Amino acid sequence: MPKTKTKKRILTGDRPTGPLHLGHYVGSLENRVKLQDKYECFFIISDYEFLTDHLSRTEELRKNVKNLVLDYLSLGIDPKKSTVFVESEIPQISELTLLFSMLVGLSRVKRNPTIKEEIKTRGISKASYGFIGWPIAQAADILCVRAELVPVGEDQLSHIEQTREIARDFNRLFGFVFPVPEALTGKVARLPGIDGRKMSKSFDNAIYFSDSPKQVKEKINRAITDPKRIHPSDKGHPEICNIFQYYKAFNKEELNEIKEQCQKGKIGCVACKEKMAKAINEFLEPIREKRNYYSKQKNIIKDVLNAGNKKTEREAAKTLALVKEKMHLDYKLIL
């Protein structure tokens, strides 16, 4: 008898645009590591999505994919428990993207708030068809393995809603194939960068897992805090301070104490930053050690991706076969 699926499935992932940072951790990566034992996890390296706004930088892809896998391993993603794969190695995803595009009207594509915001913040004057329609391709990423849960950052929630609509519309029109996936956000919905904007490689305001202790301290020292505080004895407003948001994620033990001291003007921003830099470096130290270890293991990246690509393609082929059968695109009976 065929083996039945006993665990619910997760799919989430990252674009290979550069090193991962603390914003990725609080938004999704922390949940991924925790959920490996409870769920069947698929983690996608979205190299096609890289092309939506980095078409002139394709020479970076091989290096970036390698570093992304190293980041995953150093953070605790276990290839014995989870499946890591590269998007472009799964041809069924592209076919599902085309089929799903028939389900989505042009007006729906245009009103995606995340796409609008990305065009604005990145200063894109001529967005490509691939960029604007990316939420449809992302739905194919998620649904190719019929995932039920998607750990994401807050900024990706509109994309997940698009996936949910596609799954519901397909099931309604052709019969049940897809679960309607749920989004799972991190305990800190969004971690600001050191300049107060969204933490992003594009803004050069991120703290990376690969940063040295010195780099972390320098970045924290440059971080914008409470603009209303001029002197250390001034009463602070933690709710508008970027560093205080970091305390919520990486130093909860001192969170309430720091909040009270700041509000009463009993701790200055310099001292507060020193505590935070120390806490982040303590968090990053075991990650740095693991990364150094895995970077010396010959063929580990190739082995992880080969196994992950093969498993994902098998699952995606099953999904595509079901889709074609439901849509009457299966012509084996007449050919």
C-alpha atoms as a PDB file:
ATOM      1  CA  MET A   1       0.000   0.000   0.000  1.00  0.00           C
ATOM      2  CA  PRO A   2       1.220   3.570  -0.686  1.00  0.00           C
ATOM      3  CA  LYS A   3       2.745   5.407   2.211  1.00  0.00           C
ATOM      4  CA  THR A   4       0.350   7.989   3.671  1.00  0.00           C
ATOM      5  CA  LYS A   5       1.367  11.450   4.818  1.00  0.00           C
ATOM      6  CA  THR A   6       1.305  11.518   8.636  1.00  0.00           C
ATOM      7  CA  LYS A   7       2.584  15.060   9.297  1.00  0.00           C
ATOM      8  CA  LYS A   8       1.265  18.359   8.043  1.00  0.00           C
ATOM      9  CA  ARG A   9       3.558  20.141   5.639  1.00  0.00           C
ATOM     10  CA  ILE A  10       5.363  23.456   5.864  1.00  0.00           C
ATOM     11  CA  LEU A  11       6.870  25.369   2.974  1.00  0.00           C
ATOM     12  CA  THR A  12       8.788  28.593   3.260  1.00  0.00           C
ATOM     13  CA  GLY A  13      12.126  29.913   2.077  1.00  0.00           C
ATOM     14  CA  ASP A  14      14.330  32.773   0.976  1.00  0.00           C
ATOM     15  CA  ARG A  15      15.662  34.545  -2.080  1.00  0.00           C
ATOM     16  CA  PRO A  16      19.422  34.006  -2.586  1.00  0.00           C
ATOM     17  CA  THR A  17      20.159  37.734  -2.681  1.00  0.00           C
ATOM     18  CA  GLY A  18      22.860  37.677  -0.003  1.00  0.00           C
ATOM     19  CA  PRO A  19      23.447  36.679   3.624  1.00  0.00           C
ATOM     20  CA  LEU A  20      20.551  36.172   6.032  1.00  0.00           C
ATOM     21  CA  HIS A  21      20.044  38.578   8.922  1.00  0.00           C
ATOM     22  CA  LEU A  22      18.290  38.912  12.278  1.00  0.00           C
ATOM     23  CA  GLY A  23      15.104  40.138  10.609  1.00  0.00           C
ATOM     24  CA  HIS A  24      14.839  36.804   8.808  1.00  0.00           C
ATOM     25  CA  TYR A  25      15.291  35.018  12.121  1.00  0.00           C
ATOM     26  CA  VAL A  26      12.464  36.692  14.022  1.00  0.00           C
ATOM     27  CA  GLY A  27      10.197  36.706  10.980  1.00  0.00           C
ATOM     28  CA  SER A  28      10.465  33.053   9.990  1.00  0.00           C
ATOM     29  CA  LEU A  29      13.695  31.177  10.703  1.00  0.00           C
ATOM     30  CA  GLU A  30      13.122  30.765  14.429  1.00  0.00           C
ATOM     31  CA  ASN A  31       9.786  29.084  13.717  1.00  0.00           C
ATOM     32  CA  ARG A  32      11.308  26.876  11.036  1.00  0.00           C
ATOM     33  CA  VAL A  33      13.879  25.389  13.401  1.00  0.00           C
ATOM     34  CA  LYS A  34      11.306  24.799  16.133  1.00  0.00           C
ATOM     35  CA  LEU A  35       8.776  23.132  13.834  1.00  0.00           C
ATOM     36  CA  GLN A  36      11.090  20.590  12.188  1.00  0.00           C
ATOM     37  CA  ASP A  37      10.032  17.757  14.502  1.00  0.00           C
ATOM     38  CA  LYS A  38       6.320  18.523  14.363  1.00  0.00           C
ATOM     39  CA  TYR A  39       5.915  19.108  10.608  1.00  0.00           C
ATOM     40  CA  GLU A  40       7.271  17.794   7.323  1.00  0.00           C
ATOM     41  CA  CYS A  41       9.290  20.825   6.278  1.00  0.00           C
ATOM     42  CA  PHE A  42      10.233  22.016   2.785  1.00  0.00           C
ATOM     43  CA  PHE A  43      12.536  25.037   2.522  1.00  0.00           C
ATOM     44  CA  ILE A  44      12.824  26.657  -0.891  1.00  0.00           C
ATOM     45  CA  ILE A  45      15.720  28.695  -2.248  1.00  0.00           C
ATOM     46  CA  SER A  46      13.824  30.993  -4.602  1.00  0.00           C
ATOM     47  CA  ASP A  47      16.397  31.642  -7.312  1.00  0.00           C
ATOM     48  CA  TYR A  48      13.741  32.503  -9.924  1.00  0.00           C
ATOM     49  CA  GLU A  49      12.408  35.196  -7.610  1.00  0.00           C
ATOM     50  CA  PHE A  50      15.937  36.615  -7.490  1.00  0.00           C
ATOM     51  CA  LEU A  51      15.499  37.417 -11.195  1.00  0.00           C
ATOM     52  CA  THR A  52      12.473  39.652 -10.614  1.00  0.00           C
ATOM     53  CA  ASP A  53      14.664  42.605  -9.650  1.00  0.00           C
ATOM     54  CA  HIS A  54      18.282  41.388  -9.887  1.00  0.00           C
ATOM     55  CA  LEU A  55      18.442  40.258 -13.509  1.00  0.00           C
ATOM     56  CA  SER A  56      21.848  41.876 -14.047  1.00  0.00           C
ATOM     57  CA  ARG A  57      23.420  40.041 -11.086  1.00  0.00           C
ATOM     58  CA  THR A  58      22.960  36.385 -12.010  1.00  0.00           C
ATOM     59  CA  GLU A  59      26.707  35.747 -11.641  1.00  0.00           C
ATOM     60  CA  GLU A  60      26.134  35.994  -7.858  1.00  0.00           C
ATOM     61  CA  LEU A  61      23.625  33.152  -7.697  1.00  0.00           C
ATOM     62  CA  ARG A  62      25.924  30.163  -7.163  1.00  0.00           C
ATOM     63  CA  LYS A  63      27.796  31.862  -4.338  1.00  0.00           C
ATOM     64  CA  ASN A  64      24.590  33.142  -2.748  1.00  0.00           C
ATOM     65  CA  VAL A  65      22.893  29.733  -2.872  1.00  0.00           C
ATOM     66  CA  LYS A  66      25.934  28.155  -1.207  1.00  0.00           C
ATOM     67  CA  ASN A  67      25.963  30.771   1.557  1.00  0.00           C
ATOM     68  CA  LEU A  68      22.215  30.420   2.087  1.00  0.00           C
ATOM     69  CA  VAL A  69      22.555  26.673   2.682  1.00  0.00           C
ATOM     70  CA  LEU A  70      25.415  27.344   5.116  1.00  0.00           C
ATOM     71  CA  ASP A  71      23.222  29.834   6.969  1.00  0.00           C
ATOM     72  CA  TYR A  72      20.421  27.262   7.171  1.00  0.00           C
ATOM     73  CA  LEU A  73      22.720  24.576   8.560  1.00  0.00           C
ATOM     74  CA  SER A  74      24.351  26.908  11.080  1.00  0.00           C
ATOM     75  CA  LEU A  75      20.941  28.047  12.358  1.00  0.00           C
ATOM     76  CA  GLY A  76      19.798  24.494  13.009  1.00  0.00           C
ATOM     77  CA  ILE A  77      17.981  23.436   9.836  1.00  0.00           C
ATOM     78  CA  ASP A  78      18.616  19.674   9.842  1.00  0.00           C
ATOM     79  CA  PRO A  79      18.643  18.015   6.376  1.00  0.00           C
ATOM     80  CA  LYS A  80      17.719  14.724   8.056  1.00  0.00           C
ATOM     81  CA  LYS A  81      14.470  16.314   9.201  1.00  0.00           C
ATOM     82  CA  SER A  82      13.838  18.985   6.545  1.00  0.00           C
ATOM     83  CA  THR A  83      14.031  19.239   2.766  1.00  0.00           C
ATOM     84  CA  VAL A  84      16.032  22.097   1.239  1.00  0.00           C
ATOM     85  CA  PHE A  85      15.661  22.598  -2.516  1.00  0.00           C
ATOM     86  CA  VAL A  86      16.279  25.072  -5.338  1.00  0.00           C
ATOM     87  CA  GLU A  87      13.230  26.480  -7.110  1.00  0.00           C
ATOM     88  CA  SER A  88      14.598  26.306 -10.663  1.00  0.00           C
ATOM     89  CA  GLU A  89      15.419  22.611 -10.226  1.00  0.00           C
ATOM     90  CA  ILE A  90      11.701  21.773  -9.908  1.00  0.00           C
ATOM     91  CA  PRO A  91      10.175  22.173 -13.400  1.00  0.00           C
ATOM     92  CA  GLN A  92       6.643  21.473 -12.156  1.00  0.00           C
ATOM     93  CA  ILE A  93       6.659  24.810 -10.324  1.00  0.00           C
ATOM     94  CA  SER A  94       6.875  26.740 -13.598  1.00  0.00           C
ATOM     95  CA  GLU A  95       4.003  24.745 -15.084  1.00  0.00           C
ATOM     96  CA  LEU A  96       1.845  25.315 -12.011  1.00  0.00           C
ATOM     97  CA  THR A  97       2.648  29.037 -12.190  1.00  0.00           C
ATOM     98  CA  LEU A  98       1.254  29.165 -15.721  1.00  0.00           C
ATOM     99  CA  LEU A  99      -1.889  27.247 -14.778  1.00  0.00           C
ATOM    100  CA  PHE A 100      -2.484  29.349 -11.659  1.00  0.00           C
ATOM    101  CA  SER A 101      -2.100  32.571 -13.677  1.00  0.00           C
ATOM    102  CA  MET A 102      -5.339  31.648 -15.455  1.00  0.00           C
ATOM    103  CA  LEU A 103      -7.158  31.881 -12.119  1.00  0.00           C
ATOM    104  CA  VAL A 104      -6.076  35.431 -11.221  1.00  0.00           C
ATOM    105  CA  GLY A 105      -7.472  38.599 -12.776  1.00  0.00           C
ATOM    106  CA  LEU A 106      -5.212  41.495 -13.726  1.00  0.00           C
ATOM    107  CA  SER A 107      -6.879  43.845 -11.232  1.00  0.00           C
ATOM    108  CA  ARG A 108      -6.143  41.377  -8.400  1.00  0.00           C
ATOM    109  CA  VAL A 109      -2.480  41.187  -9.354  1.00  0.00           C
ATOM    110  CA  LYS A 110      -2.148  44.978  -9.436  1.00  0.00           C
ATOM    111  CA  ARG A 111      -3.644  45.605  -6.010  1.00  0.00           C
ATOM    112  CA  ASN A 112      -1.283  43.391  -4.010  1.00  0.00           C
ATOM    113  CA  PRO A 113      -0.085  45.797  -1.277  1.00  0.00           C
ATOM    114  CA  THR A 114       3.322  44.162  -0.836  1.00  0.00           C
ATOM    115  CA  ILE A 115       4.088  44.480  -4.561  1.00  0.00           C
ATOM    116  CA  LYS A 116       3.041  48.150  -4.467  1.00  0.00           C
ATOM    117  CA  GLU A 117       5.250  48.813  -1.450  1.00  0.00           C
ATOM    118  CA  GLU A 118       8.243  46.994  -2.950  1.00  0.00           C
ATOM    119  CA  ILE A 119       7.983  49.012  -6.173  1.00  0.00           C
ATOM    120  CA  LYS A 120       7.895  52.228  -4.136  1.00  0.00           C
ATOM    121  CA  THR A 121      10.680  51.434  -1.648  1.00  0.00           C
ATOM    122  CA  ARG A 122      13.044  49.989  -4.252  1.00  0.00           C
ATOM    123  CA  GLY A 123      12.410  52.843  -6.670  1.00  0.00           C
ATOM    124  CA  ILE A 124      11.468  50.556  -9.542  1.00  0.00           C
ATOM    125  CA  SER A 125      10.387  52.655 -12.533  1.00  0.00           C
ATOM    126  CA  LYS A 126       9.480  49.772 -14.865  1.00  0.00           C
ATOM    127  CA  ALA A 127       8.393  46.665 -13.002  1.00  0.00           C
ATOM    128  CA  SER A 128       8.549  43.499 -15.077  1.00  0.00           C
ATOM    129  CA  TYR A 129       5.657  41.116 -15.628  1.00  0.00           C
ATOM    130  CA  GLY A 130       7.586  38.593 -13.533  1.00  0.00           C
ATOM    131  CA  PHE A 131       7.911  41.037 -10.632  1.00  0.00           C
ATOM    132  CA  ILE A 132       4.271  42.112 -10.581  1.00  0.00           C
ATOM    133  CA  GLY A 133       3.011  38.562 -11.001  1.00  0.00           C
ATOM    134  CA  TRP A 134       5.388  37.041  -8.504  1.00  0.00           C
ATOM    135  CA  PRO A 135       2.703  36.214  -5.889  1.00  0.00           C
ATOM    136  CA  ILE A 136       1.277  33.718  -8.411  1.00  0.00           C
ATOM    137  CA  ALA A 137       4.654  32.018  -8.764  1.00  0.00           C
ATOM    138  CA  GLN A 138       4.957  32.012  -4.981  1.00  0.00           C
ATOM    139  CA  ALA A 139       1.610  30.225  -4.784  1.00  0.00           C
ATOM    140  CA  ALA A 140       3.070  27.548  -7.063  1.00  0.00           C
ATOM    141  CA  ASP A 141       6.087  27.260  -4.746  1.00  0.00           C
ATOM    142  CA  ILE A 142       3.830  26.654  -1.756  1.00  0.00           C
ATOM    143  CA  LEU A 143       1.220  24.469  -3.397  1.00  0.00           C
ATOM    144  CA  CYS A 144       3.583  22.261  -5.412  1.00  0.00           C
ATOM    145  CA  VAL A 145       4.029  20.188  -2.253  1.00  0.00           C
ATOM    146  CA  ARG A 146       0.514  21.007  -0.990  1.00  0.00           C
ATOM    147  CA  ALA A 147       1.823  22.775   2.115  1.00  0.00           C
ATOM    148  CA  GLU A 148      -0.581  23.563   4.950  1.00  0.00           C
ATOM    149  CA  LEU A 149       1.474  26.092   6.924  1.00  0.00           C
ATOM    150  CA  VAL A 150       3.784  28.888   5.755  1.00  0.00           C
ATOM    151  CA  PRO A 151       6.096  30.593   8.296  1.00  0.00           C
ATOM    152  CA  VAL A 152       6.653  34.124   6.965  1.00  0.00           C
ATOM    153  CA  GLY A 153       7.416  37.676   7.960  1.00  0.00           C
ATOM    154  CA  GLU A 154       4.573  40.129   8.386  1.00  0.00           C
ATOM    155  CA  ASP A 155       5.324  41.744   5.012  1.00  0.00           C
ATOM    156  CA  GLN A 156       4.536  38.473   3.202  1.00  0.00           C
ATOM    157  CA  LEU A 157       0.996  38.029   4.538  1.00  0.00           C
ATOM    158  CA  SER A 158      -0.614  39.508   1.424  1.00  0.00           C
ATOM    159  CA  HIS A 159       1.260  36.954  -0.714  1.00  0.00           C
ATOM    160  CA  ILE A 160      -0.077  34.105   1.423  1.00  0.00           C
ATOM    161  CA  GLU A 161      -3.598  35.456   1.045  1.00  0.00           C
ATOM    162  CA  GLN A 162      -3.122  35.318  -2.736  1.00  0.00           C
ATOM    163  CA  THR A 163      -2.071  31.662  -2.403  1.00  0.00           C
ATOM    164  CA  ARG A 164      -5.127  30.921  -0.286  1.00  0.00           C
ATOM    165  CA  GLU A 165      -7.392  32.474  -2.939  1.00  0.00           C
ATOM    166  CA  ILE A 166      -5.772  30.402  -5.686  1.00  0.00           C
ATOM    167  CA  ALA A 167      -6.153  27.180  -3.696  1.00  0.00           C
ATOM    168  CA  ARG A 168      -9.818  27.896  -2.954  1.00  0.00           C
ATOM    169  CA  ASP A 169     -10.605  28.898  -6.542  1.00  0.00           C
ATOM    170  CA  PHE A 170      -8.920  25.830  -7.996  1.00  0.00           C
ATOM    171  CA  ASN A 171     -10.716  23.483  -5.598  1.00  0.00           C
ATOM    172  CA  ARG A 172     -14.056  25.155  -6.342  1.00  0.00           C
ATOM    173  CA  LEU A 173     -13.654  24.999 -10.112  1.00  0.00           C
ATOM    174  CA  PHE A 174     -12.047  21.597 -10.555  1.00  0.00           C
ATOM    175  CA  GLY A 175     -12.333  19.601  -7.327  1.00  0.00           C
ATOM    176  CA  PHE A 176     -10.206  19.304  -4.222  1.00  0.00           C
ATOM    177  CA  VAL A 177      -6.438  19.100  -4.653  1.00  0.00           C
ATOM    178  CA  PHE A 178      -4.972  21.800  -2.427  1.00  0.00           C
ATOM    179  CA  PRO A 179      -5.170  22.545   1.289  1.00  0.00           C
ATOM    180  CA  VAL A 180      -5.734  26.241   1.998  1.00  0.00           C
ATOM    181  CA  PRO A 181      -2.449  27.148   3.731  1.00  0.00           C
ATOM    182  CA  GLU A 182      -2.227  29.222   6.885  1.00  0.00           C
ATOM    183  CA  ALA A 183       0.448  31.850   7.561  1.00  0.00           C
ATOM    184  CA  LEU A 184       2.554  31.701  10.719  1.00  0.00           C
ATOM    185  CA  THR A 185       4.359  34.887  11.791  1.00  0.00           C
ATOM    186  CA  GLY A 186       7.150  35.159  14.351  1.00  0.00           C
ATOM    187  CA  LYS A 187       6.847  36.346  17.939  1.00  0.00           C
ATOM    188  CA  VAL A 188       8.215  39.748  16.833  1.00  0.00           C
ATOM    189  CA  ALA A 189       6.259  40.595  13.690  1.00  0.00           C
ATOM    190  CA  ARG A 190       8.921  42.845  12.170  1.00  0.00           C
ATOM    191  CA  LEU A 191      12.426  43.747  13.313  1.00  0.00           C
ATOM    192  CA  PRO A 192      13.549  47.215  12.240  1.00  0.00           C
ATOM    193  CA  GLY A 193      16.941  47.829  10.728  1.00  0.00           C
ATOM    194  CA  ILE A 194      19.467  50.006  12.509  1.00  0.00           C
ATOM    195  CA  ASP A 195      18.063  53.027  10.625  1.00  0.00           C
ATOM    196  CA  GLY A 196      14.443  52.342  11.634  1.00  0.00           C
ATOM    197  CA  ARG A 197      13.290  51.054   8.259  1.00  0.00           C
ATOM    198  CA  LYS A 198      12.534  47.407   7.568  1.00  0.00           C
ATOM    199  CA  MET A 199      15.713  45.367   8.061  1.00  0.00           C
ATOM    200  CA  SER A 200      16.904  44.613   4.557  1.00  0.00           C
ATOM    201  CA  LYS A 201      20.054  43.849   2.584  1.00  0.00           C
ATOM    202  CA  SER A 202      18.888  46.451   0.078  1.00  0.00           C
ATOM    203  CA  PHE A 203      18.977  49.225   2.690  1.00  0.00           C
ATOM    204  CA  ASP A 204      22.373  48.218   4.161  1.00  0.00           C
ATOM    205  CA  ASN A 205      20.814  48.355   7.626  1.00  0.00           C
ATOM    206  CA  ALA A 206      20.935  44.686   8.636  1.00  0.00           C
ATOM    207  CA  ILE A 207      22.825  42.631  11.189  1.00  0.00           C
ATOM    208  CA  TYR A 208      23.881  39.377   9.535  1.00  0.00           C
ATOM    209  CA  PHE A 209      24.459  35.953  11.057  1.00  0.00           C
ATOM    210  CA  SER A 210      27.925  36.053   9.521  1.00  0.00           C
ATOM    211  CA  ASP A 211      28.858  39.416  11.115  1.00  0.00           C
ATOM    212  CA  SER A 212      31.840  39.423  13.460  1.00  0.00           C
ATOM    213  CA  PRO A 213      31.464  40.594  17.096  1.00  0.00           C
ATOM    214  CA  LYS A 214      33.146  43.863  16.105  1.00  0.00           C
ATOM    215  CA  GLN A 215      30.753  44.425  13.196  1.00  0.00           C
ATOM    216  CA  VAL A 216      27.732  43.771  15.419  1.00  0.00           C
ATOM    217  CA  LYS A 217      28.928  46.280  18.003  1.00  0.00           C
ATOM    218  CA  GLU A 218      29.631  48.927  15.349  1.00  0.00           C
ATOM    219  CA  LYS A 219      26.196  48.497  13.789  1.00  0.00           C
ATOM    220  CA  ILE A 220      24.376  48.643  17.138  1.00  0.00           C
ATOM    221  CA  ASN A 221      26.320  51.796  18.030  1.00  0.00           C
ATOM    222  CA  ARG A 222      25.069  53.428  14.801  1.00  0.00           C
ATOM    223  CA  ALA A 223      21.453  52.436  15.399  1.00  0.00           C
ATOM    224  CA  ILE A 224      18.841  55.173  15.720  1.00  0.00           C
ATOM    225  CA  THR A 225      17.216  55.233  19.148  1.00  0.00           C
ATOM    226  CA  ASP A 226      14.783  57.709  20.730  1.00  0.00           C
ATOM    227  CA  PRO A 227      15.156  61.009  18.809  1.00  0.00           C
ATOM    228  CA  LYS A 228      13.554  62.878  21.722  1.00  0.00           C
ATOM    229  CA  ARG A 229      16.376  61.964  24.120  1.00  0.00           C
ATOM    230  CA  ILE A 230      19.240  64.445  24.095  1.00  0.00           C
ATOM    231  CA  HIS A 231      20.912  63.608  27.427  1.00  0.00           C
ATOM    232  CA  PRO A 232      21.266  60.225  29.205  1.00  0.00           C
ATOM    233  CA  SER A 233      19.175  61.575  32.090  1.00  0.00           C
ATOM    234  CA  ASP A 234      16.248  62.511  29.805  1.00  0.00           C
ATOM    235  CA  LYS A 235      13.183  60.332  30.149  1.00  0.00           C
ATOM    236  CA  GLY A 236      12.980  57.932  27.210  1.00  0.00           C
ATOM    237  CA  HIS A 237      10.201  56.448  25.100  1.00  0.00           C
ATOM    238  CA  PRO A 238      11.063  52.756  24.510  1.00  0.00           C
ATOM    239  CA  GLU A 239       8.100  52.188  22.214  1.00  0.00           C
ATOM    240  CA  ILE A 240       9.730  54.352  19.495  1.00  0.00           C
ATOM    241  CA  CYS A 241      13.297  53.063  20.004  1.00  0.00           C
ATOM    242  CA  ASN A 242      14.748  50.552  17.516  1.00  0.00           C
ATOM    243  CA  ILE A 243      17.089  49.069  20.106  1.00  0.00           C
ATOM    244  CA  PHE A 244      14.178  48.328  22.426  1.00  0.00           C
ATOM    245  CA  GLN A 245      12.609  46.236  19.637  1.00  0.00           C
ATOM    246  CA  TYR A 246      15.794  44.166  19.632  1.00  0.00           C
ATOM    247  CA  TYR A 247      15.419  43.590  23.374  1.00  0.00           C
ATOM    248  CA  LYS A 248      12.010  42.022  22.706  1.00  0.00           C
ATOM    249  CA  ALA A 249      13.625  39.478  20.402  1.00  0.00           C
ATOM    250  CA  PHE A 250      17.082  38.839  21.846  1.00  0.00           C
ATOM    251  CA  ASN A 251      17.202  39.967  25.474  1.00  0.00           C
ATOM    252  CA  LYS A 252      13.816  39.390  27.052  1.00  0.00           C
ATOM    253  CA  GLU A 253      15.446  38.787  30.449  1.00  0.00           C
ATOM    254  CA  GLU A 254      16.296  42.487  30.770  1.00  0.00           C
ATOM    255  CA  LEU A 255      13.337  43.810  28.780  1.00  0.00           C
ATOM    256  CA  ASN A 256      11.198  45.117  31.640  1.00  0.00           C
ATOM    257  CA  GLU A 257      14.161  46.470  33.565  1.00  0.00           C
ATOM    258  CA  ILE A 258      15.484  48.365  30.526  1.00  0.00           C
ATOM    259  CA  LYS A 259      12.017  49.737  29.793  1.00  0.00           C
ATOM    260  CA  GLU A 260      11.633  51.081  33.312  1.00  0.00           C
ATOM    261  CA  GLN A 261      15.150  52.539  33.472  1.00  0.00           C
ATOM    262  CA  CYS A 262      14.746  54.196  30.084  1.00  0.00           C
ATOM    263  CA  GLN A 263      11.394  55.750  30.991  1.00  0.00           C
ATOM    264  CA  LYS A 264      12.886  57.149  34.202  1.00  0.00           C
ATOM    265  CA  GLY A 265      16.091  58.396  32.553  1.00  0.00           C
ATOM    266  CA  LYS A 266      18.268  56.030  34.590  1.00  0.00           C
ATOM    267  CA  ILE A 267      20.115  54.476  31.642  1.00  0.00           C
ATOM    268  CA  GLY A 268      21.545  56.220  28.611  1.00  0.00           C
ATOM    269  CA  CYS A 269      21.398  55.005  25.024  1.00  0.00           C
ATOM    270  CA  VAL A 270      25.122  54.158  24.940  1.00  0.00           C
ATOM    271  CA  ALA A 271      24.862  51.802  27.920  1.00  0.00           C
ATOM    272  CA  CYS A 272      21.647  50.330  26.551  1.00  0.00           C
ATOM    273  CA  LYS A 273      23.348  49.624  23.219  1.00  0.00           C
ATOM    274  CA  GLU A 274      26.314  47.977  24.929  1.00  0.00           C
ATOM    275  CA  LYS A 275      23.994  45.511  26.647  1.00  0.00           C
ATOM    276  CA  MET A 276      22.201  44.792  23.389  1.00  0.00           C
ATOM    277  CA  ALA A 277      25.394  44.229  21.387  1.00  0.00           C
ATOM    278  CA  LYS A 278      26.577  41.786  24.049  1.00  0.00           C
ATOM    279  CA  ALA A 279      23.267  39.885  23.952  1.00  0.00           C
ATOM    280  CA  ILE A 280      23.253  39.636  20.135  1.00  0.00           C
ATOM    281  CA  ASN A 281      26.865  38.440  20.036  1.00  0.00           C
ATOM    282  CA  GLU A 282      26.065  35.777  22.623  1.00  0.00           C
ATOM    283  CA  PHE A 283      23.156  34.673  20.425  1.00  0.00           C
ATOM    284  CA  LEU A 284      25.320  34.615  17.283  1.00  0.00           C
ATOM    285  CA  GLU A 285      28.390  32.882  18.693  1.00  0.00           C
ATOM    286  CA  PRO A 286      27.161  29.258  18.392  1.00  0.00           C
ATOM    287  CA  ILE A 287      25.806  30.081  14.922  1.00  0.00           C
ATOM    288  CA  ARG A 288      29.236  31.352  13.857  1.00  0.00           C
ATOM    289  CA  GLU A 289      30.872  28.175  15.208  1.00  0.00           C
ATOM    290  CA  LYS A 290      28.473  25.906  13.309  1.00  0.00           C
ATOM    291  CA  ARG A 291      28.918  27.876  10.112  1.00  0.00           C
ATOM    292  CA  ASN A 292      32.676  27.527  10.358  1.00  0.00           C
ATOM    293  CA  TYR A 293      32.269  23.772  10.885  1.00  0.00           C
ATOM    294  CA  TYR A 294      29.904  23.212   7.971  1.00  0.00           C
ATOM    295  CA  SER A 295      31.947  25.371   5.597  1.00  0.00           C
ATOM    296  CA  LYS A 296      34.774  22.834   5.964  1.00  0.00           C
ATOM    297  CA  GLN A 297      32.606  19.774   5.186  1.00  0.00           C
ATOM    298  CA  LYS A 298      33.317  18.692   1.621  1.00  0.00           C
ATOM    299  CA  ASN A 299      30.259  18.145  -0.615  1.00  0.00           C
ATOM    300  CA  ILE A 300      27.748  18.862   2.175  1.00  0.00           C
ATOM    301  CA  ILE A 301      25.956  21.601   0.213  1.00  0.00           C
ATOM    302  CA  LYS A 302      25.777  19.470  -2.938  1.00  0.00           C
ATOM    303  CA  ASP A 303      24.476  16.496  -0.955  1.00  0.00           C
ATOM    304  CA  VAL A 304      21.814  18.540   0.852  1.00  0.00           C
ATOM    305  CA  LEU A 305      20.507  20.107  -2.354  1.00  0.00           C
ATOM    306  CA  ASN A 306      20.633  16.928  -4.457  1.00  0.00           C
ATOM    307  CA  ALA A 307      18.562  15.042  -1.889  1.00  0.00           C
ATOM    308  CA  GLY A 308      16.171  17.952  -1.413  1.00  0.00           C
ATOM    309  CA  ASN A 309      15.662  18.543  -5.134  1.00  0.00           C
ATOM    310  CA  LYS A 310      14.898  14.871  -5.791  1.00  0.00           C
ATOM    311  CA  LYS A 311      12.365  14.590  -2.980  1.00  0.00           C
ATOM    312  CA  THR A 312      10.623  17.844  -3.887  1.00  0.00           C
ATOM    313  CA  GLU A 313      10.408  16.967  -7.583  1.00  0.00           C
ATOM    314  CA  ARG A 314       8.731  13.656  -6.701  1.00  0.00           C
ATOM    315  CA  GLU A 315       6.117  15.466  -4.620  1.00  0.00           C
ATOM    316  CA  ALA A 316       5.634  18.227  -7.196  1.00  0.00           C
ATOM    317  CA  ALA A 317       5.144  15.624  -9.939  1.00  0.00           C
ATOM    318  CA  LYS A 318       2.364  14.003  -7.886  1.00  0.00           C
ATOM    319  CA  THR A 319       0.713  17.400  -7.419  1.00  0.00           C
ATOM    320  CA  LEU A 320       0.934  18.329 -11.095  1.00  0.00           C
ATOM    321  CA  ALA A 321      -0.521  14.963 -12.110  1.00  0.00           C
ATOM    322  CA  LEU A 322      -3.512  15.570  -9.834  1.00  0.00           C
ATOM    323  CA  VAL A 323      -3.952  19.093 -11.206  1.00  0.00           C
ATOM    324  CA  LYS A 324      -3.884  17.927 -14.829  1.00  0.00           C
ATOM    325  CA  GLU A 325      -6.329  15.129 -14.091  1.00  0.00           C
ATOM    326  CA  LYS A 326      -8.771  17.537 -12.446  1.00  0.00           C
ATOM    327  CA  MET A 327      -8.411  20.059 -15.285  1.00  0.00           C
ATOM    328  CA  HIS A 328      -8.845  17.371 -17.980  1.00  0.00           C
ATOM    329  CA  LEU A 329      -5.333  18.055 -19.247  1.00  0.00           C
ATOM    330  CA  ASP A 330      -4.334  14.409 -18.867  1.00  0.00           C
ATOM    331  CA  TYR A 331      -4.382  12.922 -22.362  1.00  0.00           C
ATOM    332  CA  LYS A 332      -2.951   9.490 -21.688  1.00  0.00           C
ATOM    333  CA  LEU A 333      -6.275   7.856 -22.520  1.00  0.00           C
ATOM    334  CA  ILE A 334      -6.300   9.200 -26.092  1.00  0.00           C
ATOM    335  CA  LEU A 335      -2.592   9.477 -26.984  1.00  0.00           C
END
